Amino acid sequence: MVAAWQKLWKLFLKYKEVLLYLIFGGLTTLVNFVVYAVCARVFCLDTLQANASALIISILFAYITNKIFVFESKTDTVKEIFREFFSFLACRLGTGALDMAFMYVSVDILGFYDILMKILSNVIVIILNYIFSKLVIFTKK
């Protein structure tokens, strides 16, 4: 039994970053989805307003969780923190713009079901965000 746990632990450590990214990416997606749904259904905001609200909240949540838990980023100076945050923000705004365009075209123009399109859009965005985070934002020194 102990050997099985040791094997699982080694496997976890080997893929820790990807697994944590998937967990926190899933939570970020959940935050994004819930904020979107509340804004769209409860506050009756239009698609783009609800989506923008969801993006702002989920970007802040993602930065904190990615920095602390996923990539374990250690920034020593205020300059490094600002560089890291603003590169994170720039990349997330880029994928956010892609998300907004996807939602606008698929829902407002083509008339597809908004919740299904939101899920599909988030899958694409999660993959792109991992690539940007790994290669651009939280690079190891």
N, C-alpha and C. Protein backbone atom coordinates (compact mmCIF):
# COMPACT_ATOMS: atom_id res chain seq x y z
N MET A 1 0.82 -1.19 0.00
CA MET A 1 0.00 0.00 0.00
C MET A 1 0.87 1.26 0.00
N VAL A 2 1.92 1.27 0.81
CA VAL A 2 2.82 2.42 0.89
C VAL A 2 3.51 2.64 -0.45
N ALA A 3 3.91 1.55 -1.10
CA ALA A 3 4.58 1.66 -2.40
C ALA A 3 3.67 2.31 -3.43
N ALA A 4 2.39 1.98 -3.38
CA ALA A 4 1.44 2.58 -4.32
C ALA A 4 1.33 4.08 -4.09
N TRP A 5 1.27 4.50 -2.82
CA TRP A 5 1.21 5.93 -2.51
C TRP A 5 2.49 6.64 -2.94
N GLN A 6 3.62 5.97 -2.75
CA GLN A 6 4.90 6.57 -3.17
C GLN A 6 4.94 6.75 -4.69
N LYS A 7 4.43 5.78 -5.42
CA LYS A 7 4.38 5.90 -6.88
C LYS A 7 3.45 7.03 -7.30
N LEU A 8 2.30 7.13 -6.64
CA LEU A 8 1.37 8.22 -6.94
C LEU A 8 2.00 9.58 -6.63
N TRP A 9 2.72 9.65 -5.51
CA TRP A 9 3.35 10.91 -5.12
C TRP A 9 4.42 11.31 -6.13
N LYS A 10 5.23 10.34 -6.57
CA LYS A 10 6.25 10.63 -7.58
C LYS A 10 5.60 11.09 -8.89
N LEU A 11 4.51 10.45 -9.24
CA LEU A 11 3.79 10.83 -10.45
C LEU A 11 3.22 12.24 -10.32
N PHE A 12 2.68 12.54 -9.15
CA PHE A 12 2.17 13.89 -8.89
C PHE A 12 3.30 14.91 -9.01
N LEU A 13 4.43 14.64 -8.38
CA LEU A 13 5.55 15.59 -8.42
C LEU A 13 6.05 15.80 -9.84
N LYS A 14 6.05 14.73 -10.63
CA LYS A 14 6.52 14.83 -12.01
C LYS A 14 5.62 15.77 -12.83
N TYR A 15 4.31 15.68 -12.60
CA TYR A 15 3.34 16.46 -13.37
C TYR A 15 2.66 17.53 -12.53
N LYS A 16 3.28 17.92 -11.43
CA LYS A 16 2.68 18.84 -10.47
C LYS A 16 2.20 20.15 -11.12
N GLU A 17 3.05 20.77 -11.90
CA GLU A 17 2.70 22.05 -12.48
C GLU A 17 1.48 21.95 -13.40
N VAL A 18 1.48 20.95 -14.26
CA VAL A 18 0.35 20.78 -15.18
C VAL A 18 -0.92 20.42 -14.41
N LEU A 19 -0.80 19.54 -13.44
CA LEU A 19 -1.98 19.17 -12.65
C LEU A 19 -2.55 20.36 -11.88
N LEU A 20 -1.66 21.12 -11.23
CA LEU A 20 -2.14 22.30 -10.50
C LEU A 20 -2.73 23.34 -11.45
N TYR A 21 -2.13 23.47 -12.63
CA TYR A 21 -2.69 24.40 -13.60
C TYR A 21 -4.09 23.97 -14.02
N LEU A 22 -4.26 22.68 -14.22
CA LEU A 22 -5.59 22.17 -14.59
C LEU A 22 -6.60 22.39 -13.47
N ILE A 23 -6.16 22.16 -12.24
CA ILE A 23 -7.06 22.37 -11.09
C ILE A 23 -7.44 23.85 -10.98
N PHE A 24 -6.42 24.72 -10.95
CA PHE A 24 -6.71 26.15 -10.79
C PHE A 24 -7.29 26.75 -12.06
N GLY A 25 -6.94 26.18 -13.22
CA GLY A 25 -7.58 26.60 -14.47
C GLY A 25 -9.05 26.24 -14.45
N GLY A 26 -9.35 25.07 -13.89
CA GLY A 26 -10.75 24.67 -13.74
C GLY A 26 -11.50 25.59 -12.79
N LEU A 27 -10.84 25.94 -11.69
CA LEU A 27 -11.47 26.88 -10.74
C LEU A 27 -11.64 28.26 -11.36
N THR A 28 -10.64 28.70 -12.14
CA THR A 28 -10.75 29.99 -12.82
C THR A 28 -11.90 29.96 -13.81
N THR A 29 -12.02 28.85 -14.52
CA THR A 29 -13.13 28.68 -15.47
C THR A 29 -14.46 28.72 -14.73
N LEU A 30 -14.51 28.07 -13.58
CA LEU A 30 -15.73 28.07 -12.78
C LEU A 30 -16.07 29.50 -12.33
N VAL A 31 -15.07 30.24 -11.86
CA VAL A 31 -15.28 31.63 -11.48
C VAL A 31 -15.81 32.42 -12.68
N ASN A 32 -15.14 32.25 -13.82
CA ASN A 32 -15.54 32.95 -15.03
C ASN A 32 -16.97 32.60 -15.42
N PHE A 33 -17.29 31.32 -15.40
CA PHE A 33 -18.62 30.84 -15.79
C PHE A 33 -19.70 31.35 -14.83
N VAL A 34 -19.45 31.27 -13.53
CA VAL A 34 -20.45 31.69 -12.55
C VAL A 34 -20.68 33.20 -12.63
N VAL A 35 -19.59 33.97 -12.72
CA VAL A 35 -19.75 35.42 -12.83
C VAL A 35 -20.51 35.77 -14.11
N TYR A 36 -20.16 35.10 -15.21
CA TYR A 36 -20.89 35.34 -16.47
C TYR A 36 -22.38 35.03 -16.31
N ALA A 37 -22.68 33.86 -15.77
CA ALA A 37 -24.07 33.43 -15.64
C ALA A 37 -24.85 34.37 -14.73
N VAL A 38 -24.26 34.78 -13.62
CA VAL A 38 -24.94 35.69 -12.70
C VAL A 38 -25.18 37.04 -13.37
N CYS A 39 -24.14 37.54 -14.05
CA CYS A 39 -24.30 38.84 -14.72
C CYS A 39 -25.33 38.77 -15.84
N ALA A 40 -25.32 37.67 -16.60
CA ALA A 40 -26.24 37.53 -17.73
C ALA A 40 -27.66 37.22 -17.27
N ARG A 41 -27.80 36.32 -16.30
CA ARG A 41 -29.13 35.84 -15.92
C ARG A 41 -29.77 36.65 -14.78
N VAL A 42 -28.97 37.03 -13.80
CA VAL A 42 -29.52 37.73 -12.64
C VAL A 42 -29.57 39.24 -12.90
N PHE A 43 -28.45 39.79 -13.41
CA PHE A 43 -28.39 41.23 -13.61
C PHE A 43 -28.80 41.65 -15.03
N CYS A 44 -29.11 40.67 -15.88
CA CYS A 44 -29.60 40.90 -17.25
C CYS A 44 -28.67 41.77 -18.09
N LEU A 45 -27.36 41.61 -17.88
CA LEU A 45 -26.40 42.32 -18.72
C LEU A 45 -26.34 41.63 -20.07
N ASP A 46 -25.98 42.38 -21.12
CA ASP A 46 -25.85 41.74 -22.43
C ASP A 46 -24.60 40.86 -22.44
N THR A 47 -24.43 40.11 -23.51
CA THR A 47 -23.36 39.11 -23.60
C THR A 47 -21.99 39.72 -23.34
N LEU A 48 -21.67 40.83 -23.99
CA LEU A 48 -20.34 41.41 -23.85
C LEU A 48 -20.11 42.01 -22.47
N GLN A 49 -21.11 42.64 -21.88
CA GLN A 49 -20.96 43.19 -20.53
C GLN A 49 -20.76 42.07 -19.51
N ALA A 50 -21.56 41.03 -19.61
CA ALA A 50 -21.43 39.89 -18.69
C ALA A 50 -20.09 39.21 -18.86
N ASN A 51 -19.66 39.07 -20.10
CA ASN A 51 -18.39 38.41 -20.37
C ASN A 51 -17.22 39.26 -19.88
N ALA A 52 -17.28 40.56 -20.06
CA ALA A 52 -16.21 41.46 -19.57
C ALA A 52 -16.10 41.39 -18.05
N SER A 53 -17.23 41.37 -17.37
CA SER A 53 -17.23 41.26 -15.90
C SER A 53 -16.58 39.94 -15.47
N ALA A 54 -16.94 38.88 -16.16
CA ALA A 54 -16.39 37.57 -15.84
C ALA A 54 -14.89 37.54 -16.09
N LEU A 55 -14.44 38.18 -17.14
CA LEU A 55 -13.00 38.20 -17.46
C LEU A 55 -12.20 38.94 -16.39
N ILE A 56 -12.69 40.08 -15.95
CA ILE A 56 -11.97 40.87 -14.94
C ILE A 56 -11.77 40.07 -13.66
N ILE A 57 -12.84 39.50 -13.15
CA ILE A 57 -12.76 38.73 -11.90
C ILE A 57 -11.88 37.50 -12.07
N SER A 58 -12.05 36.78 -13.17
CA SER A 58 -11.28 35.55 -13.36
C SER A 58 -9.80 35.83 -13.63
N ILE A 59 -9.46 36.94 -14.26
CA ILE A 59 -8.05 37.29 -14.47
C ILE A 59 -7.37 37.54 -13.13
N LEU A 60 -8.00 38.27 -12.25
CA LEU A 60 -7.41 38.53 -10.93
C LEU A 60 -7.25 37.23 -10.13
N PHE A 61 -8.27 36.39 -10.15
CA PHE A 61 -8.20 35.10 -9.47
C PHE A 61 -7.08 34.25 -10.05
N ALA A 62 -6.98 34.20 -11.37
CA ALA A 62 -5.96 33.38 -12.03
C ALA A 62 -4.54 33.87 -11.73
N TYR A 63 -4.33 35.18 -11.71
CA TYR A 63 -2.98 35.68 -11.43
C TYR A 63 -2.52 35.24 -10.05
N ILE A 64 -3.35 35.42 -9.08
CA ILE A 64 -2.99 35.07 -7.70
C ILE A 64 -2.72 33.58 -7.57
N THR A 65 -3.60 32.75 -8.10
CA THR A 65 -3.43 31.29 -7.95
C THR A 65 -2.26 30.77 -8.78
N ASN A 66 -2.08 31.30 -9.99
CA ASN A 66 -0.95 30.86 -10.81
C ASN A 66 0.38 31.27 -10.20
N LYS A 67 0.46 32.48 -9.72
CA LYS A 67 1.70 32.98 -9.12
C LYS A 67 2.07 32.17 -7.88
N ILE A 68 1.12 31.95 -7.01
CA ILE A 68 1.42 31.32 -5.72
C ILE A 68 1.49 29.80 -5.82
N PHE A 69 0.50 29.18 -6.42
CA PHE A 69 0.37 27.72 -6.35
C PHE A 69 0.92 26.97 -7.56
N VAL A 70 0.69 27.47 -8.75
CA VAL A 70 1.04 26.71 -9.95
C VAL A 70 2.51 26.88 -10.30
N PHE A 71 2.93 28.11 -10.55
CA PHE A 71 4.28 28.36 -11.02
C PHE A 71 5.24 28.75 -9.89
N GLU A 72 4.69 28.93 -8.68
CA GLU A 72 5.47 29.26 -7.49
C GLU A 72 6.49 30.36 -7.79
N SER A 73 5.98 31.43 -8.36
CA SER A 73 6.83 32.53 -8.80
C SER A 73 7.37 33.30 -7.60
N LYS A 74 8.65 33.50 -7.61
CA LYS A 74 9.32 34.28 -6.57
C LYS A 74 9.84 35.56 -7.21
N THR A 75 9.17 36.65 -6.94
CA THR A 75 9.61 37.94 -7.45
C THR A 75 10.22 38.72 -6.30
N ASP A 76 11.42 39.26 -6.55
CA ASP A 76 12.18 39.90 -5.48
C ASP A 76 11.98 41.41 -5.40
N THR A 77 11.66 42.03 -6.50
CA THR A 77 11.55 43.49 -6.49
C THR A 77 10.16 43.91 -6.98
N VAL A 78 9.85 45.15 -6.68
CA VAL A 78 8.58 45.72 -7.14
C VAL A 78 8.57 45.73 -8.67
N LYS A 79 9.70 46.02 -9.27
CA LYS A 79 9.80 46.04 -10.73
C LYS A 79 9.47 44.66 -11.31
N GLU A 80 9.98 43.61 -10.70
CA GLU A 80 9.69 42.25 -11.18
C GLU A 80 8.21 41.91 -11.02
N ILE A 81 7.62 42.31 -9.90
CA ILE A 81 6.19 42.06 -9.67
C ILE A 81 5.36 42.78 -10.74
N PHE A 82 5.68 44.05 -11.00
CA PHE A 82 4.94 44.79 -12.02
C PHE A 82 5.12 44.17 -13.40
N ARG A 83 6.35 43.77 -13.75
CA ARG A 83 6.60 43.15 -15.05
C ARG A 83 5.79 41.87 -15.18
N GLU A 84 5.81 41.06 -14.13
CA GLU A 84 5.09 39.80 -14.14
C GLU A 84 3.58 40.03 -14.25
N PHE A 85 3.06 40.93 -13.42
CA PHE A 85 1.62 41.18 -13.43
C PHE A 85 1.16 41.75 -14.76
N PHE A 86 1.90 42.74 -15.29
CA PHE A 86 1.46 43.36 -16.53
C PHE A 86 1.65 42.45 -17.74
N SER A 87 2.65 41.58 -17.73
CA SER A 87 2.74 40.60 -18.82
C SER A 87 1.61 39.59 -18.71
N PHE A 88 1.26 39.19 -17.47
CA PHE A 88 0.12 38.30 -17.25
C PHE A 88 -1.16 38.97 -17.75
N LEU A 89 -1.33 40.23 -17.35
CA LEU A 89 -2.52 40.98 -17.74
C LEU A 89 -2.59 41.12 -19.26
N ALA A 90 -1.47 41.44 -19.91
CA ALA A 90 -1.46 41.60 -21.37
C ALA A 90 -1.85 40.30 -22.08
N CYS A 91 -1.28 39.20 -21.62
CA CYS A 91 -1.61 37.90 -22.23
C CYS A 91 -3.07 37.55 -21.99
N ARG A 92 -3.54 37.76 -20.76
CA ARG A 92 -4.94 37.44 -20.45
C ARG A 92 -5.90 38.37 -21.19
N LEU A 93 -5.52 39.62 -21.37
CA LEU A 93 -6.38 40.51 -22.15
C LEU A 93 -6.42 40.08 -23.61
N GLY A 94 -5.29 39.57 -24.10
CA GLY A 94 -5.25 39.04 -25.46
C GLY A 94 -6.18 37.85 -25.62
N THR A 95 -6.09 36.89 -24.70
CA THR A 95 -6.98 35.74 -24.79
C THR A 95 -8.42 36.15 -24.42
N GLY A 96 -8.54 37.18 -23.59
CA GLY A 96 -9.86 37.72 -23.28
C GLY A 96 -10.51 38.34 -24.51
N ALA A 97 -9.71 39.04 -25.31
CA ALA A 97 -10.23 39.62 -26.56
C ALA A 97 -10.67 38.50 -27.51
N LEU A 98 -9.90 37.42 -27.55
CA LEU A 98 -10.29 36.26 -28.35
C LEU A 98 -11.61 35.69 -27.85
N ASP A 99 -11.73 35.58 -26.53
CA ASP A 99 -12.97 35.09 -25.90
C ASP A 99 -14.15 36.00 -26.25
N MET A 100 -13.93 37.30 -26.15
CA MET A 100 -15.00 38.26 -26.45
C MET A 100 -15.42 38.14 -27.91
N ALA A 101 -14.46 38.06 -28.81
CA ALA A 101 -14.77 37.94 -30.24
C ALA A 101 -15.51 36.64 -30.52
N PHE A 102 -15.05 35.56 -29.90
CA PHE A 102 -15.69 34.25 -30.09
C PHE A 102 -17.14 34.30 -29.62
N MET A 103 -17.36 34.88 -28.42
CA MET A 103 -18.71 34.97 -27.88
C MET A 103 -19.59 35.87 -28.77
N TYR A 104 -19.06 36.98 -29.21
CA TYR A 104 -19.83 37.89 -30.04
C TYR A 104 -20.26 37.22 -31.35
N VAL A 105 -19.29 36.59 -32.02
CA VAL A 105 -19.59 35.96 -33.30
C VAL A 105 -20.53 34.76 -33.12
N SER A 106 -20.19 33.89 -32.16
CA SER A 106 -20.96 32.65 -32.02
C SER A 106 -22.35 32.86 -31.42
N VAL A 107 -22.48 33.82 -30.50
CA VAL A 107 -23.78 34.02 -29.83
C VAL A 107 -24.58 35.14 -30.49
N ASP A 108 -23.98 36.32 -30.57
CA ASP A 108 -24.74 37.48 -31.05
C ASP A 108 -24.98 37.47 -32.56
N ILE A 109 -24.02 36.97 -33.31
CA ILE A 109 -24.19 36.96 -34.77
C ILE A 109 -24.79 35.64 -35.25
N LEU A 110 -24.21 34.51 -34.82
CA LEU A 110 -24.67 33.22 -35.32
C LEU A 110 -25.83 32.63 -34.52
N GLY A 111 -26.06 33.14 -33.31
CA GLY A 111 -27.21 32.71 -32.52
C GLY A 111 -27.06 31.37 -31.81
N PHE A 112 -25.81 30.92 -31.61
CA PHE A 112 -25.60 29.66 -30.88
C PHE A 112 -25.90 29.86 -29.40
N TYR A 113 -26.14 28.76 -28.70
CA TYR A 113 -26.46 28.77 -27.27
C TYR A 113 -25.26 29.32 -26.48
N ASP A 114 -25.48 30.37 -25.71
CA ASP A 114 -24.39 31.10 -25.07
C ASP A 114 -23.59 30.26 -24.07
N ILE A 115 -24.24 29.45 -23.27
CA ILE A 115 -23.52 28.68 -22.25
C ILE A 115 -22.60 27.65 -22.91
N LEU A 116 -23.07 26.98 -23.93
CA LEU A 116 -22.24 26.01 -24.65
C LEU A 116 -21.05 26.71 -25.31
N MET A 117 -21.27 27.86 -25.89
CA MET A 117 -20.19 28.61 -26.53
C MET A 117 -19.19 29.11 -25.49
N LYS A 118 -19.68 29.45 -24.31
CA LYS A 118 -18.80 29.90 -23.22
C LYS A 118 -17.88 28.76 -22.80
N ILE A 119 -18.41 27.56 -22.72
CA ILE A 119 -17.60 26.40 -22.35
C ILE A 119 -16.52 26.15 -23.41
N LEU A 120 -16.92 26.15 -24.67
CA LEU A 120 -15.96 25.92 -25.76
C LEU A 120 -14.88 27.00 -25.78
N SER A 121 -15.29 28.22 -25.62
CA SER A 121 -14.34 29.32 -25.60
C SER A 121 -13.34 29.17 -24.46
N ASN A 122 -13.82 28.76 -23.29
CA ASN A 122 -12.94 28.60 -22.14
C ASN A 122 -11.91 27.49 -22.34
N VAL A 123 -12.26 26.43 -23.03
CA VAL A 123 -11.29 25.37 -23.32
C VAL A 123 -10.12 25.93 -24.13
N ILE A 124 -10.44 26.68 -25.17
CA ILE A 124 -9.40 27.29 -26.01
C ILE A 124 -8.56 28.26 -25.20
N VAL A 125 -9.20 29.08 -24.41
CA VAL A 125 -8.51 30.10 -23.61
C VAL A 125 -7.58 29.46 -22.56
N ILE A 126 -8.02 28.39 -21.92
CA ILE A 126 -7.19 27.72 -20.91
C ILE A 126 -5.90 27.20 -21.53
N ILE A 127 -6.00 26.59 -22.69
CA ILE A 127 -4.80 26.06 -23.36
C ILE A 127 -3.84 27.18 -23.72
N LEU A 128 -4.36 28.24 -24.32
CA LEU A 128 -3.50 29.38 -24.68
C LEU A 128 -2.89 30.05 -23.45
N ASN A 129 -3.66 30.19 -22.38
CA ASN A 129 -3.15 30.82 -21.17
C ASN A 129 -2.03 30.02 -20.53
N TYR A 130 -2.11 28.69 -20.57
CA TYR A 130 -1.03 27.87 -20.02
C TYR A 130 0.24 28.09 -20.83
N ILE A 131 0.12 28.10 -22.13
CA ILE A 131 1.30 28.30 -22.99
C ILE A 131 1.95 29.65 -22.69
N PHE A 132 1.14 30.70 -22.63
CA PHE A 132 1.68 32.03 -22.33
C PHE A 132 2.29 32.09 -20.93
N SER A 133 1.62 31.50 -19.94
CA SER A 133 2.14 31.53 -18.57
C SER A 133 3.47 30.80 -18.47
N LYS A 134 3.56 29.67 -19.10
CA LYS A 134 4.76 28.84 -19.03
C LYS A 134 5.93 29.48 -19.79
N LEU A 135 5.67 30.00 -20.98
CA LEU A 135 6.75 30.47 -21.84
C LEU A 135 7.06 31.96 -21.73
N VAL A 136 6.10 32.76 -21.26
CA VAL A 136 6.30 34.21 -21.27
C VAL A 136 6.29 34.82 -19.86
N ILE A 137 5.33 34.45 -19.04
CA ILE A 137 5.09 35.19 -17.80
C ILE A 137 5.89 34.67 -16.62
N PHE A 138 5.69 33.41 -16.26
CA PHE A 138 6.31 32.86 -15.07
C PHE A 138 7.55 32.03 -15.43
N THR A 139 8.44 32.62 -16.18
CA THR A 139 9.64 31.91 -16.59
C THR A 139 10.60 31.79 -15.43
N LYS A 140 11.25 30.66 -15.34
CA LYS A 140 12.23 30.44 -14.28
C LYS A 140 13.50 31.20 -14.63
N LYS A 141 14.09 31.81 -13.64
CA LYS A 141 15.32 32.60 -13.86
C LYS A 141 16.53 31.70 -13.91
